[in-house]
Structure formats: structure tokens, C-alpha cells
Amino acid sequence: MSGTLHHFSPANTAQNDAEASAKLSRADQLEYLADLTLELKEIADNLGCATLAGVLVVAYREAVIQAQRR
């Protein structure tokens, strides 16, 4: 890789995701975000990126806290 971001999904996936998330509750969307963030944290750990993993842990915890509100 030469410093460019590679997209792994089809171009219309963003639209599909937006439509799907519109059908989910706020809490469901935040729980999904927490799950994704935790997966990214695990990838960062595997790559030895401790600072990035730490930031993602904070983001995961915040998403869980926000999902439990309201």
C-alpha cells in the first residue's frame, strides 16, 4: 500500500448502510458502532499500535455509555 485508503465495499454500500441505520433505534446504532470500534481496536492491537488501540477503547466505552442513555 502506498498511503492510499482502500475501500473494500461496493460504492452503493454507504447508501444501503444509511437506509438500514434509519430503521434502527439510536441505541441499536450505537451498539453496532461499539462493536465495530471494538473490532478495530483488536486490529490495532494485532498490529502493535498501542496508542491507537487505546483511543479505540475510549471510543468503544463512549458508544456503550451513549447506547445506555435515554
PDB file of N, CA and C in Angstrom:
ATOM      1  N   MET A   1       0.837  -1.187   0.000  1.00  0.00           N
ATOM      2  CA  MET A   1       0.000   0.000   0.000  1.00  0.00           C
ATOM      3  C   MET A   1       0.878   1.244   0.000  1.00  0.00           C
ATOM      4  N   SER A   2       0.420   2.219  -0.698  1.00  0.00           N
ATOM      5  CA  SER A   2       1.229   3.415  -0.849  1.00  0.00           C
ATOM      6  C   SER A   2       0.597   4.628  -0.183  1.00  0.00           C
ATOM      7  N   GLY A   3       0.034   4.441   0.999  1.00  0.00           N
ATOM      8  CA  GLY A   3      -0.526   5.564   1.730  1.00  0.00           C
ATOM      9  C   GLY A   3      -1.940   5.931   1.312  1.00  0.00           C
ATOM     10  N   THR A   4      -2.527   5.186   0.394  1.00  0.00           N
ATOM     11  CA  THR A   4      -3.903   5.464  -0.001  1.00  0.00           C
ATOM     12  C   THR A   4      -4.826   4.512   0.735  1.00  0.00           C
ATOM     13  N   LEU A   5      -6.030   4.984   0.977  1.00  0.00           N
ATOM     14  CA  LEU A   5      -7.019   4.144   1.634  1.00  0.00           C
ATOM     15  C   LEU A   5      -7.679   3.261   0.595  1.00  0.00           C
ATOM     16  N   HIS A   6      -7.863   2.017   0.929  1.00  0.00           N
ATOM     17  CA  HIS A   6      -8.514   1.080   0.030  1.00  0.00           C
ATOM     18  C   HIS A   6      -9.904   0.788   0.559  1.00  0.00           C
ATOM     19  N   HIS A   7     -10.883   0.917  -0.296  1.00  0.00           N
ATOM     20  CA  HIS A   7     -12.265   0.645   0.091  1.00  0.00           C
ATOM     21  C   HIS A   7     -12.593  -0.787  -0.283  1.00  0.00           C
ATOM     22  N   PHE A   8     -13.167  -1.510   0.648  1.00  0.00           N
ATOM     23  CA  PHE A   8     -13.415  -2.921   0.451  1.00  0.00           C
ATOM     24  C   PHE A   8     -14.873  -3.227   0.127  1.00  0.00           C
ATOM     25  N   SER A   9     -15.714  -2.205  -0.011  1.00  0.00           N
ATOM     26  CA  SER A   9     -17.123  -2.450  -0.248  1.00  0.00           C
ATOM     27  C   SER A   9     -17.585  -1.738  -1.518  1.00  0.00           C
ATOM     28  N   PRO A  10     -18.682  -2.187  -2.088  1.00  0.00           N
ATOM     29  CA  PRO A  10     -19.210  -1.549  -3.295  1.00  0.00           C
ATOM     30  C   PRO A  10     -19.601  -0.099  -3.039  1.00  0.00           C
ATOM     31  N   ALA A  11     -19.686   0.664  -4.097  1.00  0.00           N
ATOM     32  CA  ALA A  11     -19.970   2.098  -3.988  1.00  0.00           C
ATOM     33  C   ALA A  11     -21.325   2.377  -3.362  1.00  0.00           C
ATOM     34  N   ASN A  12     -22.293   1.532  -3.577  1.00  0.00           N
ATOM     35  CA  ASN A  12     -23.630   1.797  -3.047  1.00  0.00           C
ATOM     36  C   ASN A  12     -23.804   1.329  -1.607  1.00  0.00           C
ATOM     37  N   THR A  13     -22.781   0.790  -1.000  1.00  0.00           N
ATOM     38  CA  THR A  13     -22.887   0.297   0.374  1.00  0.00           C
ATOM     39  C   THR A  13     -23.209   1.420   1.349  1.00  0.00           C
ATOM     40  N   ALA A  14     -22.652   2.599   1.162  1.00  0.00           N
ATOM     41  CA  ALA A  14     -22.931   3.728   2.049  1.00  0.00           C
ATOM     42  C   ALA A  14     -24.416   4.059   2.040  1.00  0.00           C
ATOM     43  N   GLN A  15     -25.031   4.038   0.868  1.00  0.00           N
ATOM     44  CA  GLN A  15     -26.463   4.315   0.774  1.00  0.00           C
ATOM     45  C   GLN A  15     -27.253   3.216   1.470  1.00  0.00           C
ATOM     46  N   ASN A  16     -26.860   1.951   1.247  1.00  0.00           N
ATOM     47  CA  ASN A  16     -27.540   0.825   1.895  1.00  0.00           C
ATOM     48  C   ASN A  16     -27.409   0.908   3.407  1.00  0.00           C
ATOM     49  N   ASP A  17     -26.205   1.269   3.893  1.00  0.00           N
ATOM     50  CA  ASP A  17     -25.983   1.412   5.326  1.00  0.00           C
ATOM     51  C   ASP A  17     -26.856   2.518   5.895  1.00  0.00           C
ATOM     52  N   ALA A  18     -26.962   3.633   5.188  1.00  0.00           N
ATOM     53  CA  ALA A  18     -27.778   4.754   5.649  1.00  0.00           C
ATOM     54  C   ALA A  18     -29.243   4.348   5.737  1.00  0.00           C
ATOM     55  N   GLU A  19     -29.727   3.618   4.744  1.00  0.00           N
ATOM     56  CA  GLU A  19     -31.113   3.167   4.759  1.00  0.00           C
ATOM     57  C   GLU A  19     -31.357   2.182   5.895  1.00  0.00           C
ATOM     58  N   ALA A  20     -30.420   1.274   6.113  1.00  0.00           N
ATOM     59  CA  ALA A  20     -30.562   0.287   7.177  1.00  0.00           C
ATOM     60  C   ALA A  20     -30.518   0.948   8.546  1.00  0.00           C
ATOM     61  N   SER A  21     -29.608   1.911   8.721  1.00  0.00           N
ATOM     62  CA  SER A  21     -29.491   2.551  10.033  1.00  0.00           C
ATOM     63  C   SER A  21     -30.693   3.429  10.338  1.00  0.00           C
ATOM     64  N   ALA A  22     -31.380   3.922   9.312  1.00  0.00           N
ATOM     65  CA  ALA A  22     -32.575   4.723   9.536  1.00  0.00           C
ATOM     66  C   ALA A  22     -33.680   3.879  10.164  1.00  0.00           C
ATOM     67  N   LYS A  23     -33.620   2.561   9.967  1.00  0.00           N
ATOM     68  CA  LYS A  23     -34.625   1.652  10.509  1.00  0.00           C
ATOM     69  C   LYS A  23     -34.286   1.188  11.925  1.00  0.00           C
ATOM     70  N   LEU A  24     -33.053   1.436  12.368  1.00  0.00           N
ATOM     71  CA  LEU A  24     -32.614   1.001  13.696  1.00  0.00           C
ATOM     72  C   LEU A  24     -32.779   2.117  14.706  1.00  0.00           C
ATOM     73  N   SER A  25     -32.982   1.740  15.943  1.00  0.00           N
ATOM     74  CA  SER A  25     -33.056   2.736  17.004  1.00  0.00           C
ATOM     75  C   SER A  25     -31.680   3.347  17.244  1.00  0.00           C
ATOM     76  N   ARG A  26     -31.667   4.455  17.947  1.00  0.00           N
ATOM     77  CA  ARG A  26     -30.401   5.115  18.298  1.00  0.00           C
ATOM     78  C   ARG A  26     -29.509   4.162  19.086  1.00  0.00           C
ATOM     79  N   ALA A  27     -30.104   3.456  20.056  1.00  0.00           N
ATOM     80  CA  ALA A  27     -29.340   2.524  20.883  1.00  0.00           C
ATOM     81  C   ALA A  27     -28.756   1.398  20.038  1.00  0.00           C
ATOM     82  N   ASP A  28     -29.548   0.879  19.097  1.00  0.00           N
ATOM     83  CA  ASP A  28     -29.057  -0.189  18.221  1.00  0.00           C
ATOM     84  C   ASP A  28     -27.886   0.294  17.367  1.00  0.00           C
ATOM     85  N   GLN A  29     -28.001   1.510  16.841  1.00  0.00           N
ATOM     86  CA  GLN A  29     -26.923   2.065  16.029  1.00  0.00           C
ATOM     87  C   GLN A  29     -25.657   2.255  16.856  1.00  0.00           C
ATOM     88  N   LEU A  30     -25.806   2.728  18.092  1.00  0.00           N
ATOM     89  CA  LEU A  30     -24.651   2.933  18.963  1.00  0.00           C
ATOM     90  C   LEU A  30     -24.021   1.605  19.375  1.00  0.00           C
ATOM     91  N   GLU A  31     -24.834   0.585  19.611  1.00  0.00           N
ATOM     92  CA  GLU A  31     -24.289  -0.734  19.935  1.00  0.00           C
ATOM     93  C   GLU A  31     -23.511  -1.299  18.744  1.00  0.00           C
ATOM     94  N   TYR A  32     -24.021  -1.083  17.548  1.00  0.00           N
ATOM     95  CA  TYR A  32     -23.315  -1.508  16.336  1.00  0.00           C
ATOM     96  C   TYR A  32     -21.989  -0.765  16.206  1.00  0.00           C
ATOM     97  N   LEU A  33     -22.032   0.533  16.455  1.00  0.00           N
ATOM     98  CA  LEU A  33     -20.810   1.334  16.414  1.00  0.00           C
ATOM     99  C   LEU A  33     -19.804   0.840  17.452  1.00  0.00           C
ATOM    100  N   ALA A  34     -20.281   0.497  18.648  1.00  0.00           N
ATOM    101  CA  ALA A  34     -19.402  -0.042  19.686  1.00  0.00           C
ATOM    102  C   ALA A  34     -18.755  -1.343  19.214  1.00  0.00           C
ATOM    103  N   ASP A  35     -19.534  -2.218  18.600  1.00  0.00           N
ATOM    104  CA  ASP A  35     -18.989  -3.483  18.092  1.00  0.00           C
ATOM    105  C   ASP A  35     -17.918  -3.249  17.033  1.00  0.00           C
ATOM    106  N   LEU A  36     -18.191  -2.344  16.105  1.00  0.00           N
ATOM    107  CA  LEU A  36     -17.209  -2.033  15.061  1.00  0.00           C
ATOM    108  C   LEU A  36     -15.935  -1.455  15.655  1.00  0.00           C
ATOM    109  N   THR A  37     -16.103  -0.571  16.623  1.00  0.00           N
ATOM    110  CA  THR A  37     -14.953   0.061  17.258  1.00  0.00           C
ATOM    111  C   THR A  37     -14.105  -0.976  17.977  1.00  0.00           C
ATOM    112  N   LEU A  38     -14.751  -1.928  18.628  1.00  0.00           N
ATOM    113  CA  LEU A  38     -14.015  -2.986  19.319  1.00  0.00           C
ATOM    114  C   LEU A  38     -13.241  -3.857  18.321  1.00  0.00           C
ATOM    115  N   GLU A  39     -13.843  -4.125  17.180  1.00  0.00           N
ATOM    116  CA  GLU A  39     -13.134  -4.886  16.151  1.00  0.00           C
ATOM    117  C   GLU A  39     -11.906  -4.120  15.655  1.00  0.00           C
ATOM    118  N   LEU A  40     -12.054  -2.818  15.449  1.00  0.00           N
ATOM    119  CA  LEU A  40     -10.917  -2.000  15.026  1.00  0.00           C
ATOM    120  C   LEU A  40      -9.829  -1.984  16.094  1.00  0.00           C
ATOM    121  N   LYS A  41     -10.230  -1.955  17.366  1.00  0.00           N
ATOM    122  CA  LYS A  41      -9.269  -1.980  18.476  1.00  0.00           C
ATOM    123  C   LYS A  41      -8.461  -3.263  18.439  1.00  0.00           C
ATOM    124  N   GLU A  42      -9.121  -4.381  18.163  1.00  0.00           N
ATOM    125  CA  GLU A  42      -8.422  -5.663  18.087  1.00  0.00           C
ATOM    126  C   GLU A  42      -7.415  -5.675  16.933  1.00  0.00           C
ATOM    127  N   ILE A  43      -7.787  -5.084  15.815  1.00  0.00           N
ATOM    128  CA  ILE A  43      -6.860  -4.984  14.683  1.00  0.00           C
ATOM    129  C   ILE A  43      -5.658  -4.140  15.071  1.00  0.00           C
ATOM    130  N   ALA A  44      -5.912  -3.010  15.711  1.00  0.00           N
ATOM    131  CA  ALA A  44      -4.813  -2.140  16.152  1.00  0.00           C
ATOM    132  C   ALA A  44      -3.902  -2.881  17.117  1.00  0.00           C
ATOM    133  N   ASP A  45      -4.475  -3.649  18.038  1.00  0.00           N
ATOM    134  CA  ASP A  45      -3.661  -4.460  18.960  1.00  0.00           C
ATOM    135  C   ASP A  45      -2.776  -5.435  18.189  1.00  0.00           C
ATOM    136  N   ASN A  46      -3.369  -6.123  17.232  1.00  0.00           N
ATOM    137  CA  ASN A  46      -2.624  -7.109  16.441  1.00  0.00           C
ATOM    138  C   ASN A  46      -1.490  -6.476  15.651  1.00  0.00           C
ATOM    139  N   LEU A  47      -1.643  -5.216  15.304  1.00  0.00           N
ATOM    140  CA  LEU A  47      -0.611  -4.506  14.547  1.00  0.00           C
ATOM    141  C   LEU A  47       0.404  -3.821  15.456  1.00  0.00           C
ATOM    142  N   GLY A  48       0.201  -3.927  16.764  1.00  0.00           N
ATOM    143  CA  GLY A  48       1.125  -3.322  17.709  1.00  0.00           C
ATOM    144  C   GLY A  48       0.963  -1.822  17.858  1.00  0.00           C
ATOM    145  N   CYS A  49      -0.223  -1.321  17.546  1.00  0.00           N
ATOM    146  CA  CYS A  49      -0.493   0.118  17.634  1.00  0.00           C
ATOM    147  C   CYS A  49      -1.201   0.411  18.960  1.00  0.00           C
ATOM    148  N   ALA A  50      -0.421   0.480  20.033  1.00  0.00           N
ATOM    149  CA  ALA A  50      -0.984   0.608  21.380  1.00  0.00           C
ATOM    150  C   ALA A  50      -1.768   1.900  21.574  1.00  0.00           C
ATOM    151  N   THR A  51      -1.260   3.012  21.074  1.00  0.00           N
ATOM    152  CA  THR A  51      -1.953   4.286  21.251  1.00  0.00           C
ATOM    153  C   THR A  51      -3.281   4.274  20.508  1.00  0.00           C
ATOM    154  N   LEU A  52      -3.267   3.814  19.277  1.00  0.00           N
ATOM    155  CA  LEU A  52      -4.499   3.732  18.501  1.00  0.00           C
ATOM    156  C   LEU A  52      -5.495   2.794  19.176  1.00  0.00           C
ATOM    157  N   ALA A  53      -5.025   1.670  19.666  1.00  0.00           N
ATOM    158  CA  ALA A  53      -5.902   0.733  20.367  1.00  0.00           C
ATOM    159  C   ALA A  53      -6.511   1.395  21.602  1.00  0.00           C
ATOM    160  N   GLY A  54      -5.716   2.183  22.313  1.00  0.00           N
ATOM    161  CA  GLY A  54      -6.221   2.878  23.496  1.00  0.00           C
ATOM    162  C   GLY A  54      -7.297   3.890  23.161  1.00  0.00           C
ATOM    163  N   VAL A  55      -7.107   4.622  22.081  1.00  0.00           N
ATOM    164  CA  VAL A  55      -8.115   5.598  21.643  1.00  0.00           C
ATOM    165  C   VAL A  55      -9.400   4.869  21.257  1.00  0.00           C
ATOM    166  N   LEU A  56      -9.272   3.736  20.606  1.00  0.00           N
ATOM    167  CA  LEU A  56     -10.453   2.975  20.205  1.00  0.00           C
ATOM    168  C   LEU A  56     -11.184   2.382  21.404  1.00  0.00           C
ATOM    169  N   VAL A  57     -10.459   2.039  22.457  1.00  0.00           N
ATOM    170  CA  VAL A  57     -11.112   1.571  23.685  1.00  0.00           C
ATOM    171  C   VAL A  57     -11.973   2.688  24.263  1.00  0.00           C
ATOM    172  N   VAL A  58     -11.445   3.894  24.277  1.00  0.00           N
ATOM    173  CA  VAL A  58     -12.204   5.048  24.780  1.00  0.00           C
ATOM    174  C   VAL A  58     -13.454   5.256  23.920  1.00  0.00           C
ATOM    175  N   ALA A  59     -13.306   5.169  22.604  1.00  0.00           N
ATOM    176  CA  ALA A  59     -14.447   5.331  21.703  1.00  0.00           C
ATOM    177  C   ALA A  59     -15.480   4.227  21.928  1.00  0.00           C
ATOM    178  N   TYR A  60     -15.012   3.004  22.137  1.00  0.00           N
ATOM    179  CA  TYR A  60     -15.916   1.892  22.417  1.00  0.00           C
ATOM    180  C   TYR A  60     -16.717   2.154  23.691  1.00  0.00           C
ATOM    181  N   ARG A  61     -16.038   2.543  24.738  1.00  0.00           N
ATOM    182  CA  ARG A  61     -16.717   2.806  26.018  1.00  0.00           C
ATOM    183  C   ARG A  61     -17.726   3.937  25.891  1.00  0.00           C
ATOM    184  N   GLU A  62     -17.371   4.975  25.151  1.00  0.00           N
ATOM    185  CA  GLU A  62     -18.295   6.098  24.958  1.00  0.00           C
ATOM    186  C   GLU A  62     -19.531   5.648  24.186  1.00  0.00           C
ATOM    187  N   ALA A  63     -19.359   4.825  23.169  1.00  0.00           N
ATOM    188  CA  ALA A  63     -20.506   4.331  22.414  1.00  0.00           C
ATOM    189  C   ALA A  63     -21.422   3.488  23.300  1.00  0.00           C
ATOM    190  N   VAL A  64     -20.844   2.668  24.170  1.00  0.00           N
ATOM    191  CA  VAL A  64     -21.646   1.859  25.093  1.00  0.00           C
ATOM    192  C   VAL A  64     -22.409   2.758  26.064  1.00  0.00           C
ATOM    193  N   ILE A  65     -21.742   3.753  26.619  1.00  0.00           N
ATOM    194  CA  ILE A  65     -22.392   4.698  27.541  1.00  0.00           C
ATOM    195  C   ILE A  65     -23.548   5.415  26.843  1.00  0.00           C
ATOM    196  N   GLN A  66     -23.299   5.905  25.634  1.00  0.00           N
ATOM    197  CA  GLN A  66     -24.340   6.611  24.897  1.00  0.00           C
ATOM    198  C   GLN A  66     -25.509   5.691  24.551  1.00  0.00           C
ATOM    199  N   ALA A  67     -25.233   4.430  24.262  1.00  0.00           N
ATOM    200  CA  ALA A  67     -26.297   3.470  23.932  1.00  0.00           C
ATOM    201  C   ALA A  67     -27.201   3.209  25.130  1.00  0.00           C
ATOM    202  N   GLN A  68     -26.647   3.326  26.326  1.00  0.00           N
ATOM    203  CA  GLN A  68     -27.421   3.059  27.543  1.00  0.00           C
ATOM    204  C   GLN A  68     -28.237   4.266  27.985  1.00  0.00           C
ATOM    205  N   ARG A  69     -27.972   5.421  27.419  1.00  0.00           N
ATOM    206  CA  ARG A  69     -28.726   6.626  27.758  1.00  0.00           C
ATOM    207  C   ARG A  69     -30.059   6.635  27.032  1.00  0.00           C
ATOM    208  N   ARG A  70     -31.036   7.324  27.616  1.00  0.00           N
ATOM    209  CA  ARG A  70     -32.376   7.522  27.057  1.00  0.00           C
ATOM    210  C   ARG A  70     -33.129   6.271  27.100  1.00  0.00           C
TER     211      ARG A  70
END
